[in-house]
Amino acid sequence: MNIKHNKIKNTGILFELLVRKVASDVLDNKSDSFAVKLMREHFHSKSELGKELHLYRTFFNANKLSETKAFNVLDLVLAKRKTLNEKMLEAQKFLLIKEIKQHCDLKQFMAGRVPSYKVYASVYKLFEATTRSEADESTFTQLNELVSARFVLVEHLKGELKEEQVIKESTFTDAMKEQPEEIRHLSYKFLLERFNEKYSNFSDKQKTLLREYINNGTNVETFGKYVMEEAKNLTTLIKKHTHKIKNDVTRIKINEVVTQLQHIQQKGAVKDNYITALLIAYQISDELRSLS
């Protein structure tokens, strides 16, 4: 059996996508996100899924390490991974995926953007390899791939891996892990309320943009077309109402925004600062239209 990355069975990715689903639901003003329920039920510290997630997160919580320490961390995590109950872990993944299917379209759910995808895929491959017999043919035929995965993780732990977005857990998150489950649940609820308050003043267009960014950010073609079309529409709307601005300085700043929107229309890849520019442009457009 080949050792290939299976995104739908990657515990770290499943958790990341559930987190993004929570964010998306908050933007839709949904206070009863099924994702929060699944996270609470399936990733607690006593479940095999929760234990494997902790091993995944180990690679994101370490500071920049020397090469020797990075290899030591890798070996320790892989040794710990061997102690998990494989049958129970597979059963828990099956139940989690089944419940996700009951709440949403699985294909659409799995299409969500994932930070540090290369790191997650490398961890998955090495975890899979630990479950195989040393005589398994795949451990020989795919040796180069497994070696490559080890080097990816070592470079990541050393802080030298490029083209990735690393999200480290805060000391608050670490502290919350030590709290009883009901306390963690209340804390999740509190965080969701704070998140909702932060974006409560966003317009529908701004919320839609954030939702598209969360759900389709890694789908370069689809999301790129959406961003370019929005930039085009905003350019037209702002230009239409620019004559209402009497202040020369304000008009110059708005023209700079229009120039940036035109720049976005000419680019295929979407950068994070484009999202910020669009959010600002939405606000300017709404304010211009409100002027008499």
C-alpha atoms as a PDB file:
ATOM      1  CA  MET A   1       0.000   0.000   0.000  1.00  0.00           C
ATOM      2  CA  ASN A   2       1.386   3.397  -0.987  1.00  0.00           C
ATOM      3  CA  ILE A   3       1.929   6.091   1.594  1.00  0.00           C
ATOM      4  CA  LYS A   4       0.118   9.047   0.062  1.00  0.00           C
ATOM      5  CA  HIS A   5      -1.349  12.084   1.701  1.00  0.00           C
ATOM      6  CA  ASN A   6      -5.095  11.760   2.263  1.00  0.00           C
ATOM      7  CA  LYS A   7      -6.454  15.185   3.165  1.00  0.00           C
ATOM      8  CA  ILE A   8      -9.758  13.849   4.438  1.00  0.00           C
ATOM      9  CA  LYS A   9      -7.971  11.630   6.964  1.00  0.00           C
ATOM     10  CA  ASN A  10      -5.481  14.245   8.119  1.00  0.00           C
ATOM     11  CA  THR A  11      -6.444  14.999  11.718  1.00  0.00           C
ATOM     12  CA  GLY A  12      -4.648  18.347  11.744  1.00  0.00           C
ATOM     13  CA  ILE A  13      -6.348  19.530   8.574  1.00  0.00           C
ATOM     14  CA  LEU A  14      -9.789  18.359   9.717  1.00  0.00           C
ATOM     15  CA  PHE A  15      -9.403  20.431  12.871  1.00  0.00           C
ATOM     16  CA  GLU A  16      -8.148  23.480  10.942  1.00  0.00           C
ATOM     17  CA  LEU A  17     -11.132  23.305   8.588  1.00  0.00           C
ATOM     18  CA  LEU A  18     -13.533  23.046  11.512  1.00  0.00           C
ATOM     19  CA  VAL A  19     -11.956  26.191  12.978  1.00  0.00           C
ATOM     20  CA  ARG A  20     -12.505  27.958   9.658  1.00  0.00           C
ATOM     21  CA  LYS A  21     -16.087  26.729   9.589  1.00  0.00           C
ATOM     22  CA  VAL A  22     -16.625  28.326  12.978  1.00  0.00           C
ATOM     23  CA  ALA A  23     -15.287  31.630  11.615  1.00  0.00           C
ATOM     24  CA  SER A  24     -17.511  31.351   8.538  1.00  0.00           C
ATOM     25  CA  ASP A  25     -20.593  30.629  10.659  1.00  0.00           C
ATOM     26  CA  VAL A  26     -19.851  33.612  12.884  1.00  0.00           C
ATOM     27  CA  LEU A  27     -19.723  35.843   9.813  1.00  0.00           C
ATOM     28  CA  ASP A  28     -23.153  34.426   8.913  1.00  0.00           C
ATOM     29  CA  ASN A  29     -24.372  35.291  12.426  1.00  0.00           C
ATOM     30  CA  LYS A  30     -24.899  31.614  13.300  1.00  0.00           C
ATOM     31  CA  SER A  31     -24.599  31.163  17.052  1.00  0.00           C
ATOM     32  CA  ASP A  32     -24.970  27.361  16.984  1.00  0.00           C
ATOM     33  CA  SER A  33     -22.123  26.292  14.698  1.00  0.00           C
ATOM     34  CA  PHE A  34     -22.002  22.504  14.348  1.00  0.00           C
ATOM     35  CA  ALA A  35     -18.213  22.822  14.037  1.00  0.00           C
ATOM     36  CA  VAL A  36     -17.872  23.904  17.671  1.00  0.00           C
ATOM     37  CA  LYS A  37     -19.890  20.872  18.766  1.00  0.00           C
ATOM     38  CA  LEU A  38     -17.734  18.488  16.716  1.00  0.00           C
ATOM     39  CA  MET A  39     -14.506  20.044  17.965  1.00  0.00           C
ATOM     40  CA  ARG A  40     -15.667  19.663  21.549  1.00  0.00           C
ATOM     41  CA  GLU A  41     -16.899  16.091  21.152  1.00  0.00           C
ATOM     42  CA  HIS A  42     -14.133  14.598  19.015  1.00  0.00           C
ATOM     43  CA  PHE A  43     -10.917  16.391  19.966  1.00  0.00           C
ATOM     44  CA  HIS A  44     -10.916  16.212  23.762  1.00  0.00           C
ATOM     45  CA  SER A  45      -7.726  15.076  25.496  1.00  0.00           C
ATOM     46  CA  LYS A  46      -8.967  11.513  26.168  1.00  0.00           C
ATOM     47  CA  SER A  47      -9.844  10.673  22.552  1.00  0.00           C
ATOM     48  CA  GLU A  48      -7.307   9.229  20.132  1.00  0.00           C
ATOM     49  CA  LEU A  49      -8.171  12.074  17.738  1.00  0.00           C
ATOM     50  CA  GLY A  50      -7.388  14.606  20.455  1.00  0.00           C
ATOM     51  CA  LYS A  51      -4.084  12.892  21.204  1.00  0.00           C
ATOM     52  CA  GLU A  52      -3.084  12.799  17.528  1.00  0.00           C
ATOM     53  CA  LEU A  53      -4.070  16.466  17.125  1.00  0.00           C
ATOM     54  CA  HIS A  54      -1.765  17.295  20.041  1.00  0.00           C
ATOM     55  CA  LEU A  55       1.089  15.555  18.185  1.00  0.00           C
ATOM     56  CA  TYR A  56       0.313  17.579  15.035  1.00  0.00           C
ATOM     57  CA  ARG A  57       0.285  20.811  17.032  1.00  0.00           C
ATOM     58  CA  THR A  58       3.679  19.992  18.528  1.00  0.00           C
ATOM     59  CA  PHE A  59       5.227  20.956  15.195  1.00  0.00           C
ATOM     60  CA  PHE A  60       3.591  24.397  15.387  1.00  0.00           C
ATOM     61  CA  ASN A  61       4.331  25.181  19.014  1.00  0.00           C
ATOM     62  CA  ALA A  62       8.114  24.762  18.987  1.00  0.00           C
ATOM     63  CA  ASN A  63      10.366  27.805  18.685  1.00  0.00           C
ATOM     64  CA  LYS A  64      13.197  27.916  16.159  1.00  0.00           C
ATOM     65  CA  LEU A  65      15.303  24.866  16.970  1.00  0.00           C
ATOM     66  CA  SER A  66      18.783  23.737  16.058  1.00  0.00           C
ATOM     67  CA  GLU A  67      18.953  20.926  13.522  1.00  0.00           C
ATOM     68  CA  THR A  68      19.857  18.402  16.226  1.00  0.00           C
ATOM     69  CA  LYS A  69      16.929  19.433  18.440  1.00  0.00           C
ATOM     70  CA  ALA A  70      14.577  19.451  15.434  1.00  0.00           C
ATOM     71  CA  PHE A  71      15.454  15.834  14.598  1.00  0.00           C
ATOM     72  CA  ASN A  72      15.074  14.888  18.281  1.00  0.00           C
ATOM     73  CA  VAL A  73      11.585  16.453  18.434  1.00  0.00           C
ATOM     74  CA  LEU A  74      10.618  14.648  15.223  1.00  0.00           C
ATOM     75  CA  ASP A  75      11.802  11.290  16.525  1.00  0.00           C
ATOM     76  CA  LEU A  76      10.050  11.785  19.881  1.00  0.00           C
ATOM     77  CA  VAL A  77       6.746  12.699  18.230  1.00  0.00           C
ATOM     78  CA  LEU A  78       6.918   9.717  15.861  1.00  0.00           C
ATOM     79  CA  ALA A  79       7.695   7.397  18.774  1.00  0.00           C
ATOM     80  CA  LYS A  80       4.690   8.768  20.673  1.00  0.00           C
ATOM     81  CA  ARG A  81       2.499   8.347  17.595  1.00  0.00           C
ATOM     82  CA  LYS A  82       3.165   4.587  17.693  1.00  0.00           C
ATOM     83  CA  THR A  83       1.477   4.368  21.101  1.00  0.00           C
ATOM     84  CA  LEU A  84      -1.947   5.426  19.776  1.00  0.00           C
ATOM     85  CA  ASN A  85      -4.673   2.833  19.322  1.00  0.00           C
ATOM     86  CA  GLU A  86      -4.825   2.697  15.517  1.00  0.00           C
ATOM     87  CA  LYS A  87      -8.184   0.938  15.243  1.00  0.00           C
ATOM     88  CA  MET A  88      -9.820   3.325  17.680  1.00  0.00           C
ATOM     89  CA  LEU A  89      -8.271   6.310  15.899  1.00  0.00           C
ATOM     90  CA  GLU A  90      -9.605   5.167  12.528  1.00  0.00           C
ATOM     91  CA  ALA A  91     -13.057   4.574  14.021  1.00  0.00           C
ATOM     92  CA  GLN A  92     -13.118   8.061  15.539  1.00  0.00           C
ATOM     93  CA  LYS A  93     -12.057   9.636  12.236  1.00  0.00           C
ATOM     94  CA  PHE A  94     -14.807   7.713  10.454  1.00  0.00           C
ATOM     95  CA  LEU A  95     -17.431   8.986  12.907  1.00  0.00           C
ATOM     96  CA  LEU A  96     -16.144  12.568  12.659  1.00  0.00           C
ATOM     97  CA  ILE A  97     -16.218  12.548   8.860  1.00  0.00           C
ATOM     98  CA  LYS A  98     -19.680  10.958   8.932  1.00  0.00           C
ATOM     99  CA  GLU A  99     -20.987  13.750  11.166  1.00  0.00           C
ATOM    100  CA  ILE A 100     -19.420  16.427   8.975  1.00  0.00           C
ATOM    101  CA  LYS A 101     -21.244  14.895   5.990  1.00  0.00           C
ATOM    102  CA  GLN A 102     -24.517  15.134   7.895  1.00  0.00           C
ATOM    103  CA  HIS A 103     -24.087  18.887   8.331  1.00  0.00           C
ATOM    104  CA  CYS A 104     -22.549  20.065   5.064  1.00  0.00           C
ATOM    105  CA  ASP A 105     -21.227  19.088   1.650  1.00  0.00           C
ATOM    106  CA  LEU A 106     -17.985  17.234   2.386  1.00  0.00           C
ATOM    107  CA  LYS A 107     -16.307  18.189  -0.896  1.00  0.00           C
ATOM    108  CA  GLN A 108     -16.968  21.864  -0.304  1.00  0.00           C
ATOM    109  CA  PHE A 109     -15.860  21.562   3.324  1.00  0.00           C
ATOM    110  CA  MET A 110     -12.559  19.918   2.359  1.00  0.00           C
ATOM    111  CA  ALA A 111     -11.906  22.594  -0.278  1.00  0.00           C
ATOM    112  CA  GLY A 112     -11.264  25.168   2.444  1.00  0.00           C
ATOM    113  CA  ARG A 113      -7.886  26.896   2.683  1.00  0.00           C
ATOM    114  CA  VAL A 114      -5.333  25.328   5.036  1.00  0.00           C
ATOM    115  CA  PRO A 115      -2.274  27.167   6.386  1.00  0.00           C
ATOM    116  CA  SER A 116       0.989  25.175   6.264  1.00  0.00           C
ATOM    117  CA  TYR A 117      -0.528  22.467   4.063  1.00  0.00           C
ATOM    118  CA  LYS A 118       2.929  21.092   3.205  1.00  0.00           C
ATOM    119  CA  VAL A 119       3.727  20.622   6.891  1.00  0.00           C
ATOM    120  CA  TYR A 120       0.446  18.845   7.596  1.00  0.00           C
ATOM    121  CA  ALA A 121       0.936  16.530   4.595  1.00  0.00           C
ATOM    122  CA  SER A 122       4.466  15.655   5.707  1.00  0.00           C
ATOM    123  CA  VAL A 123       3.306  14.862   9.250  1.00  0.00           C
ATOM    124  CA  TYR A 124       0.524  12.653   7.881  1.00  0.00           C
ATOM    125  CA  LYS A 125       2.906  10.647   5.676  1.00  0.00           C
ATOM    126  CA  LEU A 126       5.327  10.010   8.532  1.00  0.00           C
ATOM    127  CA  PHE A 127       2.499   9.110  10.909  1.00  0.00           C
ATOM    128  CA  GLU A 128       1.197   6.641   8.324  1.00  0.00           C
ATOM    129  CA  ALA A 129       4.662   5.142   7.956  1.00  0.00           C
ATOM    130  CA  THR A 130       4.861   4.515  11.719  1.00  0.00           C
ATOM    131  CA  THR A 131       1.844   2.213  11.480  1.00  0.00           C
ATOM    132  CA  ARG A 132       3.457  -0.018   8.828  1.00  0.00           C
ATOM    133  CA  SER A 133       5.602  -3.024   9.453  1.00  0.00           C
ATOM    134  CA  GLU A 134       9.319  -2.435   8.849  1.00  0.00           C
ATOM    135  CA  ALA A 135       9.056  -5.115   6.171  1.00  0.00           C
ATOM    136  CA  ASP A 136       6.213  -3.305   4.401  1.00  0.00           C
ATOM    137  CA  GLU A 137       7.200  -2.835   0.782  1.00  0.00           C
ATOM    138  CA  SER A 138       5.971   0.787   0.781  1.00  0.00           C
ATOM    139  CA  THR A 139       8.624   1.760   3.340  1.00  0.00           C
ATOM    140  CA  PHE A 140      11.230   0.826   0.744  1.00  0.00           C
ATOM    141  CA  THR A 141       9.617   1.981  -2.505  1.00  0.00           C
ATOM    142  CA  GLN A 142       8.684   5.374  -1.054  1.00  0.00           C
ATOM    143  CA  LEU A 143      11.800   5.914   1.031  1.00  0.00           C
ATOM    144  CA  ASN A 144      12.733   9.109  -0.839  1.00  0.00           C
ATOM    145  CA  GLU A 145       9.277  10.569  -0.197  1.00  0.00           C
ATOM    146  CA  LEU A 146       9.504   9.805   3.510  1.00  0.00           C
ATOM    147  CA  VAL A 147      12.996  11.278   3.723  1.00  0.00           C
ATOM    148  CA  SER A 148      11.690  14.410   1.986  1.00  0.00           C
ATOM    149  CA  ALA A 149       8.836  14.634   4.514  1.00  0.00           C
ATOM    150  CA  ARG A 150      11.337  14.429   7.407  1.00  0.00           C
ATOM    151  CA  PHE A 151      13.430  17.227   5.939  1.00  0.00           C
ATOM    152  CA  VAL A 152      10.336  19.407   5.433  1.00  0.00           C
ATOM    153  CA  LEU A 153       9.470  19.077   9.116  1.00  0.00           C
ATOM    154  CA  VAL A 154      13.041  19.658  10.256  1.00  0.00           C
ATOM    155  CA  GLU A 155      13.261  22.823   8.156  1.00  0.00           C
ATOM    156  CA  HIS A 156       9.902  23.891   9.571  1.00  0.00           C
ATOM    157  CA  LEU A 157      11.054  23.340  13.155  1.00  0.00           C
ATOM    158  CA  LYS A 158      14.228  25.295  12.397  1.00  0.00           C
ATOM    159  CA  GLY A 159      12.097  28.164  11.100  1.00  0.00           C
ATOM    160  CA  GLU A 160      13.571  27.902   7.605  1.00  0.00           C
ATOM    161  CA  LEU A 161      10.626  26.528   5.627  1.00  0.00           C
ATOM    162  CA  LYS A 162       9.397  29.088   3.095  1.00  0.00           C
ATOM    163  CA  GLU A 163       6.011  29.788   1.532  1.00  0.00           C
ATOM    164  CA  GLU A 164       3.926  28.805   4.517  1.00  0.00           C
ATOM    165  CA  GLN A 165       1.753  30.465   7.061  1.00  0.00           C
ATOM    166  CA  VAL A 166       2.485  29.242  10.569  1.00  0.00           C
ATOM    167  CA  ILE A 167      -0.125  29.774  13.265  1.00  0.00           C
ATOM    168  CA  LYS A 168       1.277  29.262  16.759  1.00  0.00           C
ATOM    169  CA  GLU A 169      -1.056  28.648  19.667  1.00  0.00           C
ATOM    170  CA  SER A 170      -1.217  31.408  22.245  1.00  0.00           C
ATOM    171  CA  THR A 171      -0.500  31.002  25.933  1.00  0.00           C
ATOM    172  CA  PHE A 172      -4.249  31.415  26.430  1.00  0.00           C
ATOM    173  CA  THR A 173      -4.891  28.325  24.292  1.00  0.00           C
ATOM    174  CA  ASP A 174      -2.257  26.380  26.209  1.00  0.00           C
ATOM    175  CA  ALA A 175      -3.880  27.381  29.493  1.00  0.00           C
ATOM    176  CA  MET A 176      -7.335  26.423  28.253  1.00  0.00           C
ATOM    177  CA  LYS A 177      -6.149  22.897  27.434  1.00  0.00           C
ATOM    178  CA  GLU A 178      -5.720  22.308  31.156  1.00  0.00           C
ATOM    179  CA  GLN A 179      -9.281  23.361  31.984  1.00  0.00           C
ATOM    180  CA  PRO A 180     -12.307  21.051  32.320  1.00  0.00           C
ATOM    181  CA  GLU A 181     -14.338  20.473  29.164  1.00  0.00           C
ATOM    182  CA  GLU A 182     -17.288  22.590  30.286  1.00  0.00           C
ATOM    183  CA  ILE A 183     -14.952  25.542  30.977  1.00  0.00           C
ATOM    184  CA  ARG A 184     -13.404  25.200  27.518  1.00  0.00           C
ATOM    185  CA  HIS A 185     -16.905  25.143  26.001  1.00  0.00           C
ATOM    186  CA  LEU A 186     -17.855  28.385  27.745  1.00  0.00           C
ATOM    187  CA  SER A 187     -14.574  29.916  26.632  1.00  0.00           C
ATOM    188  CA  TYR A 188     -15.233  28.955  23.003  1.00  0.00           C
ATOM    189  CA  LYS A 189     -18.643  30.581  23.322  1.00  0.00           C
ATOM    190  CA  PHE A 190     -17.068  33.734  24.792  1.00  0.00           C
ATOM    191  CA  LEU A 191     -14.511  33.910  21.957  1.00  0.00           C
ATOM    192  CA  LEU A 192     -17.238  33.506  19.350  1.00  0.00           C
ATOM    193  CA  GLU A 193     -19.214  36.347  20.931  1.00  0.00           C
ATOM    194  CA  ARG A 194     -16.110  38.595  20.895  1.00  0.00           C
ATOM    195  CA  PHE A 195     -15.421  37.632  17.277  1.00  0.00           C
ATOM    196  CA  ASN A 196     -19.001  38.430  16.328  1.00  0.00           C
ATOM    197  CA  GLU A 197     -18.785  41.810  18.038  1.00  0.00           C
ATOM    198  CA  LYS A 198     -15.597  42.648  16.153  1.00  0.00           C
ATOM    199  CA  TYR A 199     -17.197  42.117  12.747  1.00  0.00           C
ATOM    200  CA  SER A 200     -20.744  43.204  13.607  1.00  0.00           C
ATOM    201  CA  ASN A 201     -20.246  46.549  11.854  1.00  0.00           C
ATOM    202  CA  PHE A 202     -19.088  44.967   8.622  1.00  0.00           C
ATOM    203  CA  SER A 203     -21.373  45.326   5.620  1.00  0.00           C
ATOM    204  CA  ASP A 204     -22.826  42.288   3.872  1.00  0.00           C
ATOM    205  CA  LYS A 205     -20.287  42.718   1.078  1.00  0.00           C
ATOM    206  CA  GLN A 206     -17.387  42.770   3.530  1.00  0.00           C
ATOM    207  CA  LYS A 207     -18.660  39.678   5.331  1.00  0.00           C
ATOM    208  CA  THR A 208     -19.137  37.875   2.021  1.00  0.00           C
ATOM    209  CA  LEU A 209     -15.546  38.664   1.037  1.00  0.00           C
ATOM    210  CA  LEU A 210     -14.214  37.290   4.328  1.00  0.00           C
ATOM    211  CA  ARG A 211     -16.365  34.191   3.989  1.00  0.00           C
ATOM    212  CA  GLU A 212     -15.073  33.582   0.460  1.00  0.00           C
ATOM    213  CA  TYR A 213     -11.510  34.097   1.699  1.00  0.00           C
ATOM    214  CA  ILE A 214     -11.991  31.569   4.491  1.00  0.00           C
ATOM    215  CA  ASN A 215     -13.711  28.945   2.341  1.00  0.00           C
ATOM    216  CA  ASN A 216     -12.029  29.335  -1.041  1.00  0.00           C
ATOM    217  CA  GLY A 217      -8.739  31.108  -0.411  1.00  0.00           C
ATOM    218  CA  THR A 218      -6.648  28.227  -1.737  1.00  0.00           C
ATOM    219  CA  ASN A 219      -8.759  27.792  -4.876  1.00  0.00           C
ATOM    220  CA  VAL A 220      -6.625  30.211  -6.882  1.00  0.00           C
ATOM    221  CA  GLU A 221      -8.766  30.295 -10.028  1.00  0.00           C
ATOM    222  CA  THR A 222     -12.199  30.611  -8.401  1.00  0.00           C
ATOM    223  CA  PHE A 223     -11.209  33.025  -5.653  1.00  0.00           C
ATOM    224  CA  GLY A 224      -8.982  35.009  -8.019  1.00  0.00           C
ATOM    225  CA  LYS A 225     -11.886  35.576 -10.427  1.00  0.00           C
ATOM    226  CA  TYR A 226     -14.137  36.620  -7.543  1.00  0.00           C
ATOM    227  CA  VAL A 227     -11.597  39.160  -6.237  1.00  0.00           C
ATOM    228  CA  MET A 228     -10.907  40.598  -9.709  1.00  0.00           C
ATOM    229  CA  GLU A 229     -14.633  40.979 -10.405  1.00  0.00           C
ATOM    230  CA  GLU A 230     -15.224  42.690  -7.057  1.00  0.00           C
ATOM    231  CA  ALA A 231     -12.278  45.026  -7.690  1.00  0.00           C
ATOM    232  CA  LYS A 232     -13.730  45.894 -11.094  1.00  0.00           C
ATOM    233  CA  ASN A 233     -17.197  46.622  -9.670  1.00  0.00           C
ATOM    234  CA  LEU A 234     -15.781  48.716  -6.834  1.00  0.00           C
ATOM    235  CA  THR A 235     -13.656  50.725  -9.260  1.00  0.00           C
ATOM    236  CA  THR A 236     -16.771  51.581 -11.277  1.00  0.00           C
ATOM    237  CA  LEU A 237     -18.830  52.483  -8.204  1.00  0.00           C
ATOM    238  CA  ILE A 238     -16.161  54.679  -6.616  1.00  0.00           C
ATOM    239  CA  LYS A 239     -15.393  56.512  -9.854  1.00  0.00           C
ATOM    240  CA  LYS A 240     -19.113  57.162 -10.323  1.00  0.00           C
ATOM    241  CA  HIS A 241     -19.356  59.004  -7.001  1.00  0.00           C
ATOM    242  CA  THR A 242     -15.904  60.613  -6.741  1.00  0.00           C
ATOM    243  CA  HIS A 243     -17.268  63.966  -7.965  1.00  0.00           C
ATOM    244  CA  LYS A 244     -19.107  64.286  -4.644  1.00  0.00           C
ATOM    245  CA  ILE A 245     -15.787  64.739  -2.830  1.00  0.00           C
ATOM    246  CA  LYS A 246     -14.895  68.406  -2.400  1.00  0.00           C
ATOM    247  CA  ASN A 247     -11.737  67.978  -0.335  1.00  0.00           C
ATOM    248  CA  ASP A 248      -8.674  67.682  -2.596  1.00  0.00           C
ATOM    249  CA  VAL A 249      -6.655  65.567  -0.138  1.00  0.00           C
ATOM    250  CA  THR A 250      -9.522  63.111   0.293  1.00  0.00           C
ATOM    251  CA  ARG A 251      -9.965  62.909  -3.472  1.00  0.00           C
ATOM    252  CA  ILE A 252      -6.250  62.093  -3.919  1.00  0.00           C
ATOM    253  CA  LYS A 253      -6.473  59.294  -1.335  1.00  0.00           C
ATOM    254  CA  ILE A 254      -9.558  57.842  -2.998  1.00  0.00           C
ATOM    255  CA  ASN A 255      -7.813  57.928  -6.364  1.00  0.00           C
ATOM    256  CA  GLU A 256      -4.974  55.944  -4.786  1.00  0.00           C
ATOM    257  CA  VAL A 257      -7.512  53.318  -3.711  1.00  0.00           C
ATOM    258  CA  VAL A 258      -8.874  53.187  -7.264  1.00  0.00           C
ATOM    259  CA  THR A 259      -5.337  52.715  -8.608  1.00  0.00           C
ATOM    260  CA  GLN A 260      -4.820  49.785  -6.238  1.00  0.00           C
ATOM    261  CA  LEU A 261      -8.142  48.254  -7.290  1.00  0.00           C
ATOM    262  CA  GLN A 262      -7.079  48.519 -10.929  1.00  0.00           C
ATOM    263  CA  HIS A 263      -3.804  46.831 -10.010  1.00  0.00           C
ATOM    264  CA  ILE A 264      -5.719  43.944  -8.414  1.00  0.00           C
ATOM    265  CA  GLN A 265      -7.688  43.431 -11.626  1.00  0.00           C
ATOM    266  CA  GLN A 266      -4.467  42.713 -13.508  1.00  0.00           C
ATOM    267  CA  LYS A 267      -3.141  40.070 -11.111  1.00  0.00           C
ATOM    268  CA  GLY A 268      -3.996  36.370 -10.975  1.00  0.00           C
ATOM    269  CA  ALA A 269      -2.674  35.451  -7.523  1.00  0.00           C
ATOM    270  CA  VAL A 270      -4.477  36.992  -4.547  1.00  0.00           C
ATOM    271  CA  LYS A 271      -2.371  38.492  -1.777  1.00  0.00           C
ATOM    272  CA  ASP A 272      -3.578  39.198   1.759  1.00  0.00           C
ATOM    273  CA  ASN A 273      -3.169  42.963   1.279  1.00  0.00           C
ATOM    274  CA  TYR A 274      -5.662  42.747  -1.609  1.00  0.00           C
ATOM    275  CA  ILE A 275      -8.298  41.573   0.880  1.00  0.00           C
ATOM    276  CA  THR A 276      -7.552  44.556   3.100  1.00  0.00           C
ATOM    277  CA  ALA A 277      -7.774  46.897   0.102  1.00  0.00           C
ATOM    278  CA  LEU A 278     -11.166  45.489  -0.894  1.00  0.00           C
ATOM    279  CA  LEU A 279     -12.527  45.799   2.654  1.00  0.00           C
ATOM    280  CA  ILE A 280     -11.495  49.467   2.695  1.00  0.00           C
ATOM    281  CA  ALA A 281     -12.916  50.015  -0.797  1.00  0.00           C
ATOM    282  CA  TYR A 282     -16.281  48.553   0.259  1.00  0.00           C
ATOM    283  CA  GLN A 283     -16.426  51.049   3.120  1.00  0.00           C
ATOM    284  CA  ILE A 284     -15.473  53.983   0.869  1.00  0.00           C
ATOM    285  CA  SER A 285     -18.066  52.925  -1.708  1.00  0.00           C
ATOM    286  CA  ASP A 286     -20.819  52.781   0.913  1.00  0.00           C
ATOM    287  CA  GLU A 287     -19.854  56.203   2.312  1.00  0.00           C
ATOM    288  CA  LEU A 288     -19.743  57.793  -1.145  1.00  0.00           C
ATOM    289  CA  ARG A 289     -23.190  56.443  -2.020  1.00  0.00           C
ATOM    290  CA  SER A 290     -24.590  57.813   1.232  1.00  0.00           C
ATOM    291  CA  LEU A 291     -23.494  61.351   0.370  1.00  0.00           C
ATOM    292  CA  SER A 292     -26.246  63.550  -0.905  1.00  0.00           C
END
